[in-house]
Amino acid sequence: MVSRSRSEFAVLVPLLDHEGERCVLLTKRPENMVRYAGQVSLPGGAREPGDSDLKATALRETHEEVGVPPTAVNVVAELDWHETTIGHRIKPFVATVTTVAAQRLVPDPREVERLLYLRVATINDDLFKTRSFRSDRDDRQHTVLTFDLDGFEVWGLTARILRSAFVDPGPARGYAESPPEDGAA
């Protein structure tokens, strides 16, 4: 039997200011990783026994991956669950990151090869294209979305979460326009 915590994951959709524009922070995984090598993703990962809840998972993983301490993050929205075709359940959280923390990002080179910034102003229905179709365990067809960011393909779950956050119906859109609160980080 699979432990519930190992099949539940959380990601953060971090909103921050970069070069004068509101952006979503994404990470490109190193090519030598065992899982998800070279893929562009949101900070996040599996729930661990010490995590009080999935929000704590998203905050811990963001701190581990890009160096943003939980005290520099303000979670503003909890999105609906997303499931993968292999049965993982992912809970996304949208959050603003303080300006101070956004200027002091420290990616862990074991997990992050490069930081990427998706300008919120560019996130609309036209950004997303259909990459393919996949069947899940129940043989239901799912559209796999994709888009290009600085020459890197953002696809699958990451694209689907971004679309749900900003386009369908876009609960994060209101927070994307407001500047992050400054605070000690």
Protein backbone atom coordinates (compact mmCIF):
# COMPACT_ATOMS: atom_id res chain seq x y z
CA MET A 1 0.00 0.00 0.00
CA VAL A 2 1.32 3.45 -0.93
CA SER A 3 1.58 5.91 1.93
CA ARG A 4 -0.88 8.75 1.52
CA SER A 5 1.85 11.34 2.13
CA ARG A 6 4.00 9.90 -0.71
CA SER A 7 1.17 10.26 -3.22
CA GLU A 8 0.27 13.78 -2.09
CA PHE A 9 2.37 16.65 -3.30
CA ALA A 10 2.22 20.43 -3.02
CA VAL A 11 3.60 23.20 -5.20
CA LEU A 12 3.90 26.93 -4.78
CA VAL A 13 2.99 29.38 -7.53
CA PRO A 14 5.32 32.16 -6.33
CA LEU A 15 4.50 35.69 -7.48
CA LEU A 16 7.32 38.20 -7.29
CA ASP A 17 8.66 41.29 -8.96
CA HIS A 18 11.53 40.72 -11.40
CA GLU A 19 13.04 43.48 -13.52
CA GLY A 20 10.05 45.72 -12.82
CA GLU A 21 7.36 43.18 -13.77
CA ARG A 22 5.16 40.83 -11.80
CA CYS A 23 6.27 37.27 -12.57
CA VAL A 24 5.77 33.66 -11.60
CA LEU A 25 9.02 32.02 -10.53
CA LEU A 26 9.71 28.69 -12.24
CA THR A 27 12.70 26.38 -12.00
CA LYS A 28 14.50 24.28 -14.58
CA ARG A 29 15.63 20.97 -13.14
CA PRO A 30 19.19 19.75 -13.80
CA GLU A 31 19.61 17.25 -16.64
CA ASN A 32 21.23 14.72 -14.29
CA MET A 33 18.24 14.32 -11.95
CA VAL A 34 16.68 10.87 -11.68
CA ARG A 35 13.12 12.24 -11.89
CA TYR A 36 11.90 15.10 -14.07
CA ALA A 37 15.38 15.75 -15.50
CA GLY A 38 15.56 19.01 -17.43
CA GLN A 39 11.89 19.86 -16.90
CA VAL A 40 10.57 23.28 -15.98
CA SER A 41 8.48 23.20 -12.84
CA LEU A 42 7.05 25.10 -9.91
CA PRO A 43 8.81 24.73 -6.55
CA GLY A 44 7.31 21.81 -4.66
CA GLY A 45 7.42 18.15 -3.85
CA ALA A 46 6.12 15.28 -1.77
CA ARG A 47 4.58 15.72 1.64
CA GLU A 48 6.93 14.50 4.37
CA PRO A 49 5.94 13.18 7.80
CA GLY A 50 7.12 16.39 9.50
CA ASP A 51 4.91 18.64 7.35
CA SER A 52 1.84 19.77 9.30
CA ASP A 53 -0.16 20.13 6.08
CA LEU A 54 0.31 20.56 2.36
CA LYS A 55 0.82 24.31 2.65
CA ALA A 56 3.79 23.52 4.92
CA THR A 57 5.04 21.11 2.25
CA ALA A 58 4.93 23.82 -0.44
CA LEU A 59 6.70 26.32 1.82
CA ARG A 60 9.40 23.81 2.89
CA GLU A 61 10.08 22.74 -0.67
CA THR A 62 10.28 26.35 -1.90
CA HIS A 63 12.78 27.15 0.83
CA GLU A 64 14.86 24.06 -0.01
CA GLU A 65 14.80 24.63 -3.77
CA VAL A 66 15.20 28.40 -4.15
CA GLY A 67 16.05 29.71 -0.68
CA VAL A 68 12.84 31.64 0.04
CA PRO A 69 12.10 31.37 3.77
CA PRO A 70 8.47 30.73 4.76
CA THR A 71 8.43 34.08 6.60
CA ALA A 72 8.91 35.86 3.24
CA VAL A 73 5.87 34.19 1.67
CA ASN A 74 2.21 35.18 1.93
CA VAL A 75 -0.09 32.41 0.69
CA VAL A 76 -3.05 34.15 -0.96
CA ALA A 77 -4.93 31.29 -2.63
CA GLU A 78 -5.31 27.53 -2.43
CA LEU A 79 -6.17 26.04 -5.81
CA ASP A 80 -8.14 22.89 -6.56
CA TRP A 81 -6.41 19.51 -6.54
CA HIS A 82 -4.67 18.32 -9.69
CA GLU A 83 -4.08 14.66 -10.45
CA THR A 84 -1.53 13.11 -12.75
CA THR A 85 -2.09 10.15 -15.02
CA ILE A 86 0.07 8.05 -12.66
CA GLY A 87 -2.10 8.81 -9.64
CA HIS A 88 -0.26 11.60 -7.84
CA ARG A 89 -2.41 14.29 -6.21
CA ILE A 90 -1.00 17.82 -6.22
CA LYS A 91 -2.26 20.78 -4.21
CA PRO A 92 -1.10 24.16 -5.59
CA PHE A 93 -0.86 27.31 -3.47
CA VAL A 94 -0.48 30.81 -4.91
CA ALA A 95 1.71 33.14 -2.87
CA THR A 96 3.40 36.49 -3.01
CA VAL A 97 7.10 36.69 -2.19
CA THR A 98 8.56 39.79 -0.53
CA THR A 99 10.77 42.01 -2.65
CA VAL A 100 13.70 41.43 -0.31
CA ALA A 101 13.44 37.64 -0.63
CA ALA A 102 12.93 37.87 -4.42
CA GLN A 103 16.25 39.69 -4.66
CA ARG A 104 18.04 37.05 -2.57
CA LEU A 105 17.08 33.81 -4.29
CA VAL A 106 19.58 31.00 -3.73
CA PRO A 107 18.77 27.99 -5.92
CA ASP A 108 19.98 24.60 -4.68
CA PRO A 109 22.12 23.34 -7.60
CA ARG A 110 21.14 19.73 -6.85
CA GLU A 111 17.50 20.58 -7.63
CA VAL A 112 17.60 23.76 -9.73
CA GLU A 113 19.77 24.44 -12.76
CA ARG A 114 18.19 27.76 -13.66
CA LEU A 115 15.53 30.20 -12.49
CA LEU A 116 12.94 31.29 -15.04
CA TYR A 117 10.48 34.17 -14.78
CA LEU A 118 7.10 34.04 -16.50
CA ARG A 119 5.61 37.52 -16.82
CA VAL A 120 2.06 37.42 -15.48
CA ALA A 121 0.98 39.88 -18.18
CA THR A 122 1.69 37.18 -20.79
CA ILE A 123 -0.45 34.49 -19.16
CA ASN A 124 -3.66 34.18 -21.15
CA ASP A 125 -5.52 31.54 -23.11
CA ASP A 126 -3.38 32.12 -26.22
CA LEU A 127 -0.18 31.19 -24.35
CA PHE A 128 -1.20 27.54 -23.99
CA LYS A 129 -1.03 25.04 -26.86
CA THR A 130 -1.95 21.36 -27.00
CA ARG A 131 1.14 19.15 -26.82
CA SER A 132 -0.58 15.77 -26.83
CA PHE A 133 -3.29 13.67 -25.23
CA ARG A 134 -2.76 11.12 -22.46
CA SER A 135 -4.92 8.45 -20.93
CA ASP A 136 -5.13 8.00 -17.19
CA ARG A 137 -5.56 4.77 -15.23
CA ASP A 138 -9.31 4.83 -15.96
CA ASP A 139 -8.62 5.29 -19.70
CA ARG A 140 -9.92 8.89 -19.67
CA GLN A 141 -8.26 11.20 -22.19
CA HIS A 142 -6.52 14.34 -20.92
CA THR A 143 -5.09 17.22 -22.92
CA VAL A 144 -1.41 17.91 -22.21
CA LEU A 145 -0.70 21.64 -22.45
CA THR A 146 2.57 23.31 -23.38
CA PHE A 147 4.15 26.73 -23.94
CA ASP A 148 7.61 28.17 -24.55
CA LEU A 149 9.45 30.25 -21.95
CA ASP A 150 12.85 31.63 -22.91
CA GLY A 151 13.52 28.66 -25.18
CA PHE A 152 12.42 26.07 -22.62
CA GLU A 153 9.25 24.00 -22.87
CA VAL A 154 6.82 24.32 -19.97
CA TRP A 155 4.35 21.47 -20.23
CA GLY A 156 2.11 18.99 -18.47
CA LEU A 157 1.18 19.56 -14.87
CA THR A 158 3.06 22.87 -14.57
CA ALA A 159 1.26 24.34 -17.59
CA ARG A 160 -2.08 22.99 -16.34
CA ILE A 161 -1.63 24.55 -12.88
CA LEU A 162 -0.64 27.92 -14.36
CA ARG A 163 -3.67 27.87 -16.65
CA SER A 164 -5.99 27.03 -13.75
CA ALA A 165 -4.45 29.77 -11.60
CA PHE A 166 -4.58 32.59 -14.14
CA VAL A 167 -7.02 31.65 -16.93
CA ASP A 168 -9.68 29.08 -15.88
CA PRO A 169 -11.28 31.07 -14.02
CA GLY A 170 -8.06 32.58 -12.73
CA PRO A 171 -8.34 32.92 -8.92
CA ALA A 172 -4.72 34.13 -8.80
CA ARG A 173 -5.23 36.92 -11.34
CA GLY A 174 -6.23 39.49 -8.68
CA TYR A 175 -3.10 38.82 -6.66
CA ALA A 176 -0.91 38.98 -9.73
CA GLU A 177 -1.55 42.68 -10.12
CA SER A 178 -0.71 43.77 -6.56
CA PRO A 179 2.86 44.41 -5.50
CA PRO A 180 4.28 42.02 -2.89
CA GLU A 181 4.51 43.25 0.68
CA ASP A 182 8.00 44.09 1.79
CA GLY A 183 9.19 42.55 4.96
CA ALA A 184 12.18 41.07 6.65
CA ALA A 185 13.36 37.94 4.98
